[in-house]
C-alpha cells in the first residue's frame, strides 16, 4: 500500500496564492505544481 503524500502548510498557502492572488486557474496551478486538481479545489474550499 502506498502512503499519501503530505504537503506543508507553506506549500498549500503558496498554491492558494497562485489561485486567489495571482489569477491562475485551479487547473493551471495543479498542473504546474504536479498535484491533483481535486485536492487543490478542496484547499480552496477550506480557505473560504
PDB file of N, CA and C in Angstrom:
ATOM      1  N   UNK A   1       0.844  -1.172   0.000  1.00  0.00           N
ATOM      2  CA  UNK A   1       0.000   0.000   0.000  1.00  0.00           C
ATOM      3  C   UNK A   1       0.898   1.247   0.000  1.00  0.00           C
ATOM      4  N   UNK A   2       0.519   2.232  -0.787  1.00  0.00           N
ATOM      5  CA  UNK A   2       1.307   3.462  -0.855  1.00  0.00           C
ATOM      6  C   UNK A   2       0.792   4.479   0.156  1.00  0.00           C
ATOM      7  N   UNK A   3       1.733   5.275   0.645  1.00  0.00           N
ATOM      8  CA  UNK A   3       1.355   6.329   1.588  1.00  0.00           C
ATOM      9  C   UNK A   3       0.947   7.575   0.827  1.00  0.00           C
ATOM     10  N   UNK A   4       0.063   8.345   1.434  1.00  0.00           N
ATOM     11  CA  UNK A   4      -0.320   9.633   0.858  1.00  0.00           C
ATOM     12  C   UNK A   4       0.833  10.604   1.018  1.00  0.00           C
ATOM     13  N   UNK A   5       0.984  11.445   0.037  1.00  0.00           N
ATOM     14  CA  UNK A   5       1.998  12.477   0.135  1.00  0.00           C
ATOM     15  C   UNK A   5       1.483  13.605   1.015  1.00  0.00           C
ATOM     16  N   UNK A   6       2.304  14.059   1.921  1.00  0.00           N
ATOM     17  CA  UNK A   6       1.942  15.142   2.825  1.00  0.00           C
ATOM     18  C   UNK A   6       2.506  16.448   2.283  1.00  0.00           C
ATOM     19  N   UNK A   7       1.714  17.496   2.311  1.00  0.00           N
ATOM     20  CA  UNK A   7       2.142  18.809   1.845  1.00  0.00           C
ATOM     21  C   UNK A   7       2.190  19.754   3.031  1.00  0.00           C
ATOM     22  N   UNK A   8       3.232  20.559   3.085  1.00  0.00           N
ATOM     23  CA  UNK A   8       3.376  21.504   4.191  1.00  0.00           C
ATOM     24  C   UNK A   8       2.356  22.627   4.047  1.00  0.00           C
ATOM     25  N   UNK A   9       2.101  23.288   5.155  1.00  0.00           N
ATOM     26  CA  UNK A   9       1.188  24.431   5.129  1.00  0.00           C
ATOM     27  C   UNK A   9       1.725  25.522   4.212  1.00  0.00           C
ATOM     28  N   UNK A  10       3.036  25.701   4.186  1.00  0.00           N
ATOM     29  CA  UNK A  10       3.648  26.711   3.319  1.00  0.00           C
ATOM     30  C   UNK A  10       3.375  26.401   1.841  1.00  0.00           C
ATOM     31  N   UNK A  11       3.487  25.141   1.463  1.00  0.00           N
ATOM     32  CA  UNK A  11       3.212  24.734   0.086  1.00  0.00           C
ATOM     33  C   UNK A  11       1.763  25.021  -0.272  1.00  0.00           C
ATOM     34  N   UNK A  12       0.851  24.671   0.645  1.00  0.00           N
ATOM     35  CA  UNK A  12      -0.576  24.896   0.406  1.00  0.00           C
ATOM     36  C   UNK A  12      -0.868  26.387   0.242  1.00  0.00           C
ATOM     37  N   UNK A  13      -0.294  27.203   1.122  1.00  0.00           N
ATOM     38  CA  UNK A  13      -0.525  28.645   1.037  1.00  0.00           C
ATOM     39  C   UNK A  13       0.035  29.224  -0.253  1.00  0.00           C
ATOM     40  N   UNK A  14       1.182  28.735  -0.687  1.00  0.00           N
ATOM     41  CA  UNK A  14       1.753  29.195  -1.959  1.00  0.00           C
ATOM     42  C   UNK A  14       0.847  28.816  -3.125  1.00  0.00           C
ATOM     43  N   UNK A  15       0.310  27.596  -3.093  1.00  0.00           N
ATOM     44  CA  UNK A  15      -0.597  27.147  -4.153  1.00  0.00           C
ATOM     45  C   UNK A  15      -1.867  27.990  -4.153  1.00  0.00           C
ATOM     46  N   UNK A  16      -2.409  28.244  -2.978  1.00  0.00           N
ATOM     47  CA  UNK A  16      -3.619  29.061  -2.874  1.00  0.00           C
ATOM     48  C   UNK A  16      -3.365  30.482  -3.335  1.00  0.00           C
ATOM     49  N   UNK A  17      -2.182  30.998  -3.091  1.00  0.00           N
ATOM     50  CA  UNK A  17      -1.828  32.343  -3.524  1.00  0.00           C
ATOM     51  C   UNK A  17      -1.848  32.443  -5.049  1.00  0.00           C
ATOM     52  N   UNK A  18      -1.386  31.401  -5.719  1.00  0.00           N
ATOM     53  CA  UNK A  18      -1.400  31.415  -7.182  1.00  0.00           C
ATOM     54  C   UNK A  18      -2.826  31.545  -7.712  1.00  0.00           C
ATOM     55  N   UNK A  19      -3.762  30.902  -7.041  1.00  0.00           N
ATOM     56  CA  UNK A  19      -5.158  30.919  -7.485  1.00  0.00           C
ATOM     57  C   UNK A  19      -5.854  32.211  -7.070  1.00  0.00           C
ATOM     58  N   UNK A  20      -5.717  32.583  -5.802  1.00  0.00           N
ATOM     59  CA  UNK A  20      -6.517  33.683  -5.267  1.00  0.00           C
ATOM     60  C   UNK A  20      -5.923  35.057  -5.530  1.00  0.00           C
ATOM     61  N   UNK A  21      -4.607  35.159  -5.608  1.00  0.00           N
ATOM     62  CA  UNK A  21      -3.971  36.469  -5.734  1.00  0.00           C
ATOM     63  C   UNK A  21      -3.344  36.723  -7.097  1.00  0.00           C
ATOM     64  N   UNK A  22      -2.879  35.666  -7.752  1.00  0.00           N
ATOM     65  CA  UNK A  22      -2.142  35.859  -8.990  1.00  0.00           C
ATOM     66  C   UNK A  22      -2.942  35.519 -10.238  1.00  0.00           C
ATOM     67  N   UNK A  23      -4.167  35.058 -10.053  1.00  0.00           N
ATOM     68  CA  UNK A  23      -5.069  34.886 -11.183  1.00  0.00           C
ATOM     69  C   UNK A  23      -4.925  33.618 -12.000  1.00  0.00           C
ATOM     70  N   UNK A  24      -4.173  32.645 -11.522  1.00  0.00           N
ATOM     71  CA  UNK A  24      -4.089  31.378 -12.232  1.00  0.00           C
ATOM     72  C   UNK A  24      -5.353  30.567 -11.961  1.00  0.00           C
ATOM     73  N   UNK A  25      -5.753  29.742 -12.918  1.00  0.00           N
ATOM     74  CA  UNK A  25      -6.884  28.855 -12.678  1.00  0.00           C
ATOM     75  C   UNK A  25      -6.427  27.702 -11.792  1.00  0.00           C
ATOM     76  N   UNK A  26      -7.390  27.031 -11.206  1.00  0.00           N
ATOM     77  CA  UNK A  26      -7.045  25.884 -10.364  1.00  0.00           C
ATOM     78  C   UNK A  26      -6.374  24.797 -11.190  1.00  0.00           C
ATOM     79  N   UNK A  27      -6.855  24.594 -12.409  1.00  0.00           N
ATOM     80  CA  UNK A  27      -6.272  23.571 -13.278  1.00  0.00           C
ATOM     81  C   UNK A  27      -4.833  23.908 -13.639  1.00  0.00           C
ATOM     82  N   UNK A  28      -4.559  25.160 -14.014  1.00  0.00           N
ATOM     83  CA  UNK A  28      -3.200  25.586 -14.345  1.00  0.00           C
ATOM     84  C   UNK A  28      -2.264  25.391 -13.154  1.00  0.00           C
ATOM     85  N   UNK A  29      -2.738  25.799 -11.992  1.00  0.00           N
ATOM     86  CA  UNK A  29      -1.923  25.689 -10.784  1.00  0.00           C
ATOM     87  C   UNK A  29      -1.621  24.237 -10.470  1.00  0.00           C
ATOM     88  N   UNK A  30      -2.614  23.390 -10.539  1.00  0.00           N
ATOM     89  CA  UNK A  30      -2.426  21.966 -10.253  1.00  0.00           C
ATOM     90  C   UNK A  30      -1.418  21.348 -11.221  1.00  0.00           C
ATOM     91  N   UNK A  31      -1.519  21.691 -12.492  1.00  0.00           N
ATOM     92  CA  UNK A  31      -0.582  21.146 -13.473  1.00  0.00           C
ATOM     93  C   UNK A  31       0.837  21.641 -13.226  1.00  0.00           C
ATOM     94  N   UNK A  32       0.984  22.932 -12.922  1.00  0.00           N
ATOM     95  CA  UNK A  32       2.316  23.496 -12.672  1.00  0.00           C
ATOM     96  C   UNK A  32       2.977  22.872 -11.448  1.00  0.00           C
ATOM     97  N   UNK A  33       2.174  22.630 -10.408  1.00  0.00           N
ATOM     98  CA  UNK A  33       2.716  22.089  -9.162  1.00  0.00           C
ATOM     99  C   UNK A  33       2.698  20.567  -9.117  1.00  0.00           C
ATOM    100  N   UNK A  34       2.138  19.955 -10.161  1.00  0.00           N
ATOM    101  CA  UNK A  34       2.048  18.500 -10.274  1.00  0.00           C
ATOM    102  C   UNK A  34       1.303  17.895  -9.087  1.00  0.00           C
ATOM    103  N   UNK A  35       0.134  18.496  -8.810  1.00  0.00           N
ATOM    104  CA  UNK A  35      -0.745  17.966  -7.772  1.00  0.00           C
ATOM    105  C   UNK A  35      -2.115  17.726  -8.393  1.00  0.00           C
ATOM    106  N   UNK A  36      -2.946  16.969  -7.702  1.00  0.00           N
ATOM    107  CA  UNK A  36      -4.279  16.667  -8.186  1.00  0.00           C
ATOM    108  C   UNK A  36      -5.159  17.909  -8.080  1.00  0.00           C
ATOM    109  N   UNK A  37      -5.886  18.221  -9.137  1.00  0.00           N
ATOM    110  CA  UNK A  37      -6.727  19.420  -9.138  1.00  0.00           C
ATOM    111  C   UNK A  37      -7.858  19.328  -8.120  1.00  0.00           C
ATOM    112  N   UNK A  38      -8.342  18.118  -7.835  1.00  0.00           N
ATOM    113  CA  UNK A  38      -9.392  17.956  -6.824  1.00  0.00           C
ATOM    114  C   UNK A  38      -8.883  18.330  -5.431  1.00  0.00           C
ATOM    115  N   UNK A  39      -7.631  17.996  -5.170  1.00  0.00           N
ATOM    116  CA  UNK A  39      -7.045  18.338  -3.886  1.00  0.00           C
ATOM    117  C   UNK A  39      -6.911  19.853  -3.751  1.00  0.00           C
ATOM    118  N   UNK A  40      -6.472  20.501  -4.811  1.00  0.00           N
ATOM    119  CA  UNK A  40      -6.357  21.958  -4.793  1.00  0.00           C
ATOM    120  C   UNK A  40      -7.730  22.602  -4.606  1.00  0.00           C
ATOM    121  N   UNK A  41      -8.744  22.059  -5.245  1.00  0.00           N
ATOM    122  CA  UNK A  41     -10.107  22.567  -5.082  1.00  0.00           C
ATOM    123  C   UNK A  41     -10.556  22.461  -3.625  1.00  0.00           C
ATOM    124  N   UNK A  42     -10.208  21.371  -2.987  1.00  0.00           N
ATOM    125  CA  UNK A  42     -10.562  21.195  -1.583  1.00  0.00           C
ATOM    126  C   UNK A  42      -9.858  22.236  -0.713  1.00  0.00           C
ATOM    127  N   UNK A  43      -8.583  22.502  -0.994  1.00  0.00           N
ATOM    128  CA  UNK A  43      -7.843  23.518  -0.235  1.00  0.00           C
ATOM    129  C   UNK A  43      -8.501  24.881  -0.388  1.00  0.00           C
ATOM    130  N   UNK A  44      -8.957  25.206  -1.608  1.00  0.00           N
ATOM    131  CA  UNK A  44      -9.618  26.485  -1.845  1.00  0.00           C
ATOM    132  C   UNK A  44     -10.923  26.561  -1.063  1.00  0.00           C
ATOM    133  N   UNK A  45     -11.716  25.486  -1.094  1.00  0.00           N
ATOM    134  CA  UNK A  45     -12.982  25.463  -0.336  1.00  0.00           C
ATOM    135  C   UNK A  45     -12.719  25.622   1.154  1.00  0.00           C
ATOM    136  N   UNK A  46     -11.695  24.967   1.662  1.00  0.00           N
ATOM    137  CA  UNK A  46     -11.375  25.053   3.088  1.00  0.00           C
ATOM    138  C   UNK A  46     -10.910  26.466   3.464  1.00  0.00           C
ATOM    139  N   UNK A  47     -10.317  27.174   2.525  1.00  0.00           N
ATOM    140  CA  UNK A  47      -9.844  28.524   2.796  1.00  0.00           C
ATOM    141  C   UNK A  47     -11.015  29.461   3.020  1.00  0.00           C
ATOM    142  N   UNK A  48     -12.098  29.255   2.264  1.00  0.00           N
ATOM    143  CA  UNK A  48     -13.263  30.121   2.363  1.00  0.00           C
ATOM    144  C   UNK A  48     -14.329  29.377   3.060  1.00  0.00           C
TER     145      UNK A  48
END
